[in-house]
Amino acid sequence: MNASTALIAVVGVFSAIQLPAAADVVAFDEAVSGDASDDRFAPSQTTLVAGNNLLRGSFGVSPTPDVHDLDYITFTVPVGHQLTSFVVADANVGGAFSFVAIEAGPIITIPADWTSVNSPLLGWAHFGTASIGLDIYEELGNAPGATGFSGPLPAGTYALWIMELDASSAYSYSFSLGVIEIPAPGAFALLAAAGVIFPRRRQR
């Protein structure tokens, strides 16, 4: 492989390591898709793509007096991708904060009135107006009582539980979930074979 071909291979590999795109992709929007599911066993579903994926919804007031409008959303991180960030893009909540939790799998396995300190959740966090623009990914992974996580979450299906306890008014949230595409292992092997990553010393 000559130098030009090797350079093209390098560009191809590193272009595969995609950072989240600048423009947001709307993955779920209640204004378009209707009210997010109130059933933790049958969440609303969406699939994320490489880039910043917006999840928008409203909560708080519900058709039933004094009943919380719970939002459950299941999303899938495609094969060859990873979830790397969870930014509060916007928030209008009752009081100081609202609640969001994430669990591995297609459902939330615990009820909204769960009182145990420990839970099967991967993580949870409080968010509010002060959280706008902040990435709460690390906070989710280090939540007390949750199973926890660190680093990117791999391809798979995950469920979100989003809740506002003030049922007297309508409030809203918007999350931007960052997903990156990871290069295939064979790409680095190709560069190594070409002598790009590990060049051999030319012997005299």
C-alpha atoms as a PDB file:
ATOM      1  CA  MET A   1       0.000   0.000   0.000  1.00  0.00           C
ATOM      2  CA  ASN A   2       1.540   3.323  -1.048  1.00  0.00           C
ATOM      3  CA  ALA A   3       1.471   6.529   0.992  1.00  0.00           C
ATOM      4  CA  SER A   4      -1.550   7.983  -0.824  1.00  0.00           C
ATOM      5  CA  THR A   5      -3.634   4.864  -0.284  1.00  0.00           C
ATOM      6  CA  ALA A   6      -2.621   4.747   3.374  1.00  0.00           C
ATOM      7  CA  LEU A   7      -3.614   8.375   3.829  1.00  0.00           C
ATOM      8  CA  ILE A   8      -7.036   7.678   2.340  1.00  0.00           C
ATOM      9  CA  ALA A   9      -7.406   4.767   4.773  1.00  0.00           C
ATOM     10  CA  VAL A  10      -6.532   7.043   7.694  1.00  0.00           C
ATOM     11  CA  VAL A  11      -9.122   9.608   6.624  1.00  0.00           C
ATOM     12  CA  GLY A  12     -11.716   6.879   6.197  1.00  0.00           C
ATOM     13  CA  VAL A  13     -11.148   5.461   9.659  1.00  0.00           C
ATOM     14  CA  PHE A  14     -11.165   8.741  11.514  1.00  0.00           C
ATOM     15  CA  SER A  15     -14.206   9.996   9.631  1.00  0.00           C
ATOM     16  CA  ALA A  16     -15.978   6.913  11.026  1.00  0.00           C
ATOM     17  CA  ILE A  17     -15.348   8.207  14.556  1.00  0.00           C
ATOM     18  CA  GLN A  18     -18.205  10.669  14.424  1.00  0.00           C
ATOM     19  CA  LEU A  19     -18.831  13.249  17.072  1.00  0.00           C
ATOM     20  CA  PRO A  20     -22.453  14.277  17.662  1.00  0.00           C
ATOM     21  CA  ALA A  21     -23.582  16.512  14.836  1.00  0.00           C
ATOM     22  CA  ALA A  22     -24.113  20.212  15.468  1.00  0.00           C
ATOM     23  CA  ALA A  23     -27.750  20.088  14.359  1.00  0.00           C
ATOM     24  CA  ASP A  24     -30.258  18.270  16.552  1.00  0.00           C
ATOM     25  CA  VAL A  25     -32.433  15.453  15.243  1.00  0.00           C
ATOM     26  CA  VAL A  26     -35.915  15.265  16.770  1.00  0.00           C
ATOM     27  CA  ALA A  27     -36.244  11.652  17.922  1.00  0.00           C
ATOM     28  CA  PHE A  28     -39.502  12.133  19.856  1.00  0.00           C
ATOM     29  CA  ASP A  29     -41.780  15.145  20.180  1.00  0.00           C
ATOM     30  CA  GLU A  30     -45.153  14.996  21.930  1.00  0.00           C
ATOM     31  CA  ALA A  31     -46.350  17.880  19.767  1.00  0.00           C
ATOM     32  CA  VAL A  32     -46.022  15.552  16.773  1.00  0.00           C
ATOM     33  CA  SER A  33     -46.387  12.029  18.165  1.00  0.00           C
ATOM     34  CA  GLY A  34     -48.942  12.688  20.881  1.00  0.00           C
ATOM     35  CA  ASP A  35     -48.662  12.236  24.638  1.00  0.00           C
ATOM     36  CA  ALA A  36     -45.806  10.011  25.766  1.00  0.00           C
ATOM     37  CA  SER A  37     -46.970   6.746  27.301  1.00  0.00           C
ATOM     38  CA  ASP A  38     -48.107   6.710  30.941  1.00  0.00           C
ATOM     39  CA  ASP A  39     -47.570   2.940  31.047  1.00  0.00           C
ATOM     40  CA  ARG A  40     -44.131   1.838  32.247  1.00  0.00           C
ATOM     41  CA  PHE A  41     -44.724  -1.572  30.677  1.00  0.00           C
ATOM     42  CA  ALA A  42     -45.452  -0.057  27.247  1.00  0.00           C
ATOM     43  CA  PRO A  43     -43.349   3.096  26.790  1.00  0.00           C
ATOM     44  CA  SER A  44     -43.410   5.230  23.655  1.00  0.00           C
ATOM     45  CA  GLN A  45     -40.656   4.053  21.318  1.00  0.00           C
ATOM     46  CA  THR A  46     -37.964   5.703  19.230  1.00  0.00           C
ATOM     47  CA  THR A  47     -34.546   4.919  17.738  1.00  0.00           C
ATOM     48  CA  LEU A  48     -31.574   7.245  18.061  1.00  0.00           C
ATOM     49  CA  VAL A  49     -29.038   8.083  15.353  1.00  0.00           C
ATOM     50  CA  ALA A  50     -25.500   9.434  15.373  1.00  0.00           C
ATOM     51  CA  GLY A  51     -25.696  13.036  16.552  1.00  0.00           C
ATOM     52  CA  ASN A  52     -27.836  14.907  19.079  1.00  0.00           C
ATOM     53  CA  ASN A  53     -31.276  13.356  19.508  1.00  0.00           C
ATOM     54  CA  LEU A  54     -34.014  15.567  20.975  1.00  0.00           C
ATOM     55  CA  LEU A  55     -36.734  14.135  23.203  1.00  0.00           C
ATOM     56  CA  ARG A  56     -39.453  16.713  23.892  1.00  0.00           C
ATOM     57  CA  GLY A  57     -42.516  16.401  26.023  1.00  0.00           C
ATOM     58  CA  SER A  58     -44.837  17.843  28.627  1.00  0.00           C
ATOM     59  CA  PHE A  59     -45.784  16.603  32.066  1.00  0.00           C
ATOM     60  CA  GLY A  60     -47.386  17.685  35.302  1.00  0.00           C
ATOM     61  CA  VAL A  61     -51.103  18.193  34.754  1.00  0.00           C
ATOM     62  CA  SER A  62     -53.042  15.189  33.465  1.00  0.00           C
ATOM     63  CA  PRO A  63     -56.654  14.472  32.403  1.00  0.00           C
ATOM     64  CA  THR A  64     -57.238  12.819  35.783  1.00  0.00           C
ATOM     65  CA  PRO A  65     -57.249  15.290  38.724  1.00  0.00           C
ATOM     66  CA  ASP A  66     -54.379  14.890  41.202  1.00  0.00           C
ATOM     67  CA  VAL A  67     -52.758  12.183  39.043  1.00  0.00           C
ATOM     68  CA  HIS A  68     -49.273  12.765  37.733  1.00  0.00           C
ATOM     69  CA  ASP A  69     -48.687  12.762  33.985  1.00  0.00           C
ATOM     70  CA  LEU A  70     -45.889  10.189  33.856  1.00  0.00           C
ATOM     71  CA  ASP A  71     -43.850   9.933  30.670  1.00  0.00           C
ATOM     72  CA  TYR A  72     -42.177   6.655  29.699  1.00  0.00           C
ATOM     73  CA  ILE A  73     -40.036   6.560  26.554  1.00  0.00           C
ATOM     74  CA  THR A  74     -38.001   3.646  25.229  1.00  0.00           C
ATOM     75  CA  PHE A  75     -35.116   4.396  22.882  1.00  0.00           C
ATOM     76  CA  THR A  76     -32.682   2.171  21.006  1.00  0.00           C
ATOM     77  CA  VAL A  77     -28.997   2.928  20.475  1.00  0.00           C
ATOM     78  CA  PRO A  78     -28.155   1.222  17.152  1.00  0.00           C
ATOM     79  CA  VAL A  79     -25.462  -1.428  16.741  1.00  0.00           C
ATOM     80  CA  GLY A  80     -22.068   0.195  16.247  1.00  0.00           C
ATOM     81  CA  HIS A  81     -23.040   3.271  18.268  1.00  0.00           C
ATOM     82  CA  GLN A  82     -22.759   4.508  21.859  1.00  0.00           C
ATOM     83  CA  LEU A  83     -24.703   6.920  24.065  1.00  0.00           C
ATOM     84  CA  THR A  84     -22.247   9.498  25.424  1.00  0.00           C
ATOM     85  CA  SER A  85     -24.222  12.485  26.732  1.00  0.00           C
ATOM     86  CA  PHE A  86     -27.575  13.506  28.207  1.00  0.00           C
ATOM     87  CA  VAL A  87     -28.061  17.269  28.028  1.00  0.00           C
ATOM     88  CA  VAL A  88     -31.002  19.180  29.476  1.00  0.00           C
ATOM     89  CA  ALA A  89     -31.850  21.246  26.393  1.00  0.00           C
ATOM     90  CA  ASP A  90     -34.825  22.979  28.028  1.00  0.00           C
ATOM     91  CA  ALA A  91     -36.891  22.666  31.189  1.00  0.00           C
ATOM     92  CA  ASN A  92     -39.996  24.315  32.615  1.00  0.00           C
ATOM     93  CA  VAL A  93     -40.762  22.463  35.826  1.00  0.00           C
ATOM     94  CA  GLY A  94     -42.831  22.821  38.975  1.00  0.00           C
ATOM     95  CA  GLY A  95     -40.748  23.938  41.929  1.00  0.00           C
ATOM     96  CA  ALA A  96     -36.973  23.578  41.855  1.00  0.00           C
ATOM     97  CA  PHE A  97     -36.690  20.374  39.889  1.00  0.00           C
ATOM     98  CA  SER A  98     -38.270  17.361  38.197  1.00  0.00           C
ATOM     99  CA  PHE A  99     -37.114  13.756  37.871  1.00  0.00           C
ATOM    100  CA  VAL A 100     -35.676  11.582  35.094  1.00  0.00           C
ATOM    101  CA  ALA A 101     -34.407   8.000  35.321  1.00  0.00           C
ATOM    102  CA  ILE A 102     -32.935   5.474  32.901  1.00  0.00           C
ATOM    103  CA  GLU A 103     -33.060   1.679  32.985  1.00  0.00           C
ATOM    104  CA  ALA A 104     -31.583  -0.960  30.678  1.00  0.00           C
ATOM    105  CA  GLY A 105     -34.257  -2.782  28.687  1.00  0.00           C
ATOM    106  CA  PRO A 106     -37.607  -1.869  27.104  1.00  0.00           C
ATOM    107  CA  ILE A 107     -39.564  -1.089  30.308  1.00  0.00           C
ATOM    108  CA  ILE A 108     -39.269   0.567  33.710  1.00  0.00           C
ATOM    109  CA  THR A 109     -39.533  -2.251  36.214  1.00  0.00           C
ATOM    110  CA  ILE A 110     -40.464  -0.222  39.313  1.00  0.00           C
ATOM    111  CA  PRO A 111     -43.641   1.817  39.997  1.00  0.00           C
ATOM    112  CA  ALA A 112     -43.690   5.591  40.313  1.00  0.00           C
ATOM    113  CA  ASP A 113     -44.294   5.346  44.086  1.00  0.00           C
ATOM    114  CA  TRP A 114     -41.183   3.196  44.665  1.00  0.00           C
ATOM    115  CA  THR A 115     -39.779   3.990  48.129  1.00  0.00           C
ATOM    116  CA  SER A 116     -36.773   1.670  48.440  1.00  0.00           C
ATOM    117  CA  VAL A 117     -33.348   3.297  48.506  1.00  0.00           C
ATOM    118  CA  ASN A 118     -31.981   0.740  46.047  1.00  0.00           C
ATOM    119  CA  SER A 119     -33.437   0.144  42.592  1.00  0.00           C
ATOM    120  CA  PRO A 120     -32.737  -1.633  39.293  1.00  0.00           C
ATOM    121  CA  LEU A 121     -32.412   1.738  37.557  1.00  0.00           C
ATOM    122  CA  LEU A 122     -29.150   2.444  35.762  1.00  0.00           C
ATOM    123  CA  GLY A 123     -29.385   5.967  37.093  1.00  0.00           C
ATOM    124  CA  TRP A 124     -31.572   8.939  37.904  1.00  0.00           C
ATOM    125  CA  ALA A 125     -31.255  12.704  38.304  1.00  0.00           C
ATOM    126  CA  HIS A 126     -33.171  15.827  39.210  1.00  0.00           C
ATOM    127  CA  PHE A 127     -33.317  18.627  36.643  1.00  0.00           C
ATOM    128  CA  GLY A 128     -34.820  22.078  36.399  1.00  0.00           C
ATOM    129  CA  THR A 129     -34.331  25.535  34.961  1.00  0.00           C
ATOM    130  CA  ALA A 130     -30.852  25.702  36.462  1.00  0.00           C
ATOM    131  CA  SER A 131     -29.938  22.535  34.554  1.00  0.00           C
ATOM    132  CA  ILE A 132     -30.596  23.966  31.075  1.00  0.00           C
ATOM    133  CA  GLY A 133     -27.524  23.443  28.922  1.00  0.00           C
ATOM    134  CA  LEU A 134     -25.925  21.024  31.390  1.00  0.00           C
ATOM    135  CA  ASP A 135     -24.902  17.447  30.596  1.00  0.00           C
ATOM    136  CA  ILE A 136     -26.321  15.302  33.423  1.00  0.00           C
ATOM    137  CA  TYR A 137     -24.931  12.046  31.998  1.00  0.00           C
ATOM    138  CA  GLU A 138     -22.377  11.589  34.776  1.00  0.00           C
ATOM    139  CA  GLU A 139     -24.939  12.531  37.432  1.00  0.00           C
ATOM    140  CA  LEU A 140     -27.272   9.828  36.103  1.00  0.00           C
ATOM    141  CA  GLY A 141     -24.507   7.226  36.272  1.00  0.00           C
ATOM    142  CA  ASN A 142     -23.596   8.104  39.868  1.00  0.00           C
ATOM    143  CA  ALA A 143     -27.095   8.319  41.363  1.00  0.00           C
ATOM    144  CA  PRO A 144     -27.453   6.920  44.903  1.00  0.00           C
ATOM    145  CA  GLY A 145     -29.186   3.537  45.034  1.00  0.00           C
ATOM    146  CA  ALA A 146     -29.003   2.955  41.282  1.00  0.00           C
ATOM    147  CA  THR A 147     -26.893   0.217  39.694  1.00  0.00           C
ATOM    148  CA  GLY A 148     -24.843   2.966  38.083  1.00  0.00           C
ATOM    149  CA  PHE A 149     -22.672   3.199  34.980  1.00  0.00           C
ATOM    150  CA  SER A 150     -19.546   4.951  33.754  1.00  0.00           C
ATOM    151  CA  GLY A 151     -18.385   5.736  30.255  1.00  0.00           C
ATOM    152  CA  PRO A 152     -20.501   5.400  27.117  1.00  0.00           C
ATOM    153  CA  LEU A 153     -23.553   3.140  27.185  1.00  0.00           C
ATOM    154  CA  PRO A 154     -23.374   0.507  24.418  1.00  0.00           C
ATOM    155  CA  ALA A 155     -25.872  -0.325  21.695  1.00  0.00           C
ATOM    156  CA  GLY A 156     -29.147  -1.626  23.075  1.00  0.00           C
ATOM    157  CA  THR A 157     -32.572  -0.632  24.318  1.00  0.00           C
ATOM    158  CA  TYR A 158     -33.111   1.674  27.283  1.00  0.00           C
ATOM    159  CA  ALA A 159     -36.193   3.096  29.008  1.00  0.00           C
ATOM    160  CA  LEU A 160     -36.690   6.596  30.414  1.00  0.00           C
ATOM    161  CA  TRP A 161     -38.992   7.538  33.275  1.00  0.00           C
ATOM    162  CA  ILE A 162     -39.756  11.277  33.353  1.00  0.00           C
ATOM    163  CA  MET A 163     -41.888  12.698  36.183  1.00  0.00           C
ATOM    164  CA  GLU A 164     -43.127  15.998  37.608  1.00  0.00           C
ATOM    165  CA  LEU A 165     -44.910  15.809  40.972  1.00  0.00           C
ATOM    166  CA  ASP A 166     -46.804  19.093  40.593  1.00  0.00           C
ATOM    167  CA  ALA A 167     -50.013  18.026  38.820  1.00  0.00           C
ATOM    168  CA  SER A 168     -51.616  21.467  38.977  1.00  0.00           C
ATOM    169  CA  SER A 169     -50.068  22.871  35.788  1.00  0.00           C
ATOM    170  CA  ALA A 170     -48.533  21.826  32.494  1.00  0.00           C
ATOM    171  CA  TYR A 171     -44.749  21.805  32.409  1.00  0.00           C
ATOM    172  CA  SER A 172     -42.250  20.770  29.751  1.00  0.00           C
ATOM    173  CA  TYR A 173     -38.837  19.216  29.171  1.00  0.00           C
ATOM    174  CA  SER A 174     -36.383  18.704  26.333  1.00  0.00           C
ATOM    175  CA  PHE A 175     -33.378  16.379  26.440  1.00  0.00           C
ATOM    176  CA  SER A 176     -30.604  16.094  23.883  1.00  0.00           C
ATOM    177  CA  LEU A 177     -29.063  12.610  23.847  1.00  0.00           C
ATOM    178  CA  GLY A 178     -25.651  12.452  22.190  1.00  0.00           C
ATOM    179  CA  VAL A 179     -24.815   9.336  20.181  1.00  0.00           C
ATOM    180  CA  ILE A 180     -21.555   8.577  18.383  1.00  0.00           C
ATOM    181  CA  GLU A 181     -20.718   5.941  15.812  1.00  0.00           C
ATOM    182  CA  ILE A 182     -17.729   3.767  16.694  1.00  0.00           C
ATOM    183  CA  PRO A 183     -15.325   2.419  14.041  1.00  0.00           C
ATOM    184  CA  ALA A 184     -15.272  -1.261  13.187  1.00  0.00           C
ATOM    185  CA  PRO A 185     -12.337  -3.110  14.810  1.00  0.00           C
ATOM    186  CA  GLY A 186     -11.085  -4.170  11.381  1.00  0.00           C
ATOM    187  CA  ALA A 187     -10.412  -0.555  10.434  1.00  0.00           C
ATOM    188  CA  PHE A 188      -7.536  -0.260  12.899  1.00  0.00           C
ATOM    189  CA  ALA A 189      -6.182  -3.624  11.782  1.00  0.00           C
ATOM    190  CA  LEU A 190      -6.133  -2.279   8.231  1.00  0.00           C
ATOM    191  CA  LEU A 191      -4.075   0.719   9.280  1.00  0.00           C
ATOM    192  CA  ALA A 192      -1.687  -1.438  11.259  1.00  0.00           C
ATOM    193  CA  ALA A 193      -1.175  -3.700   8.262  1.00  0.00           C
ATOM    194  CA  ALA A 194      -0.485  -0.646   6.113  1.00  0.00           C
ATOM    195  CA  GLY A 195       2.181   0.512   8.510  1.00  0.00           C
ATOM    196  CA  VAL A 196       0.254   3.690   9.292  1.00  0.00           C
ATOM    197  CA  ILE A 197      -0.325   3.095  12.986  1.00  0.00           C
ATOM    198  CA  PHE A 198       2.769   1.025  13.674  1.00  0.00           C
ATOM    199  CA  PRO A 199       5.319   1.899  10.952  1.00  0.00           C
ATOM    200  CA  ARG A 200       8.230  -0.454  10.615  1.00  0.00           C
ATOM    201  CA  ARG A 201      11.714   0.920  10.873  1.00  0.00           C
ATOM    202  CA  ARG A 202      13.558   0.798   7.632  1.00  0.00           C
ATOM    203  CA  GLN A 203      16.661  -1.285   8.057  1.00  0.00           C
ATOM    204  CA  ARG A 204      19.892  -0.126   6.565  1.00  0.00           C
END
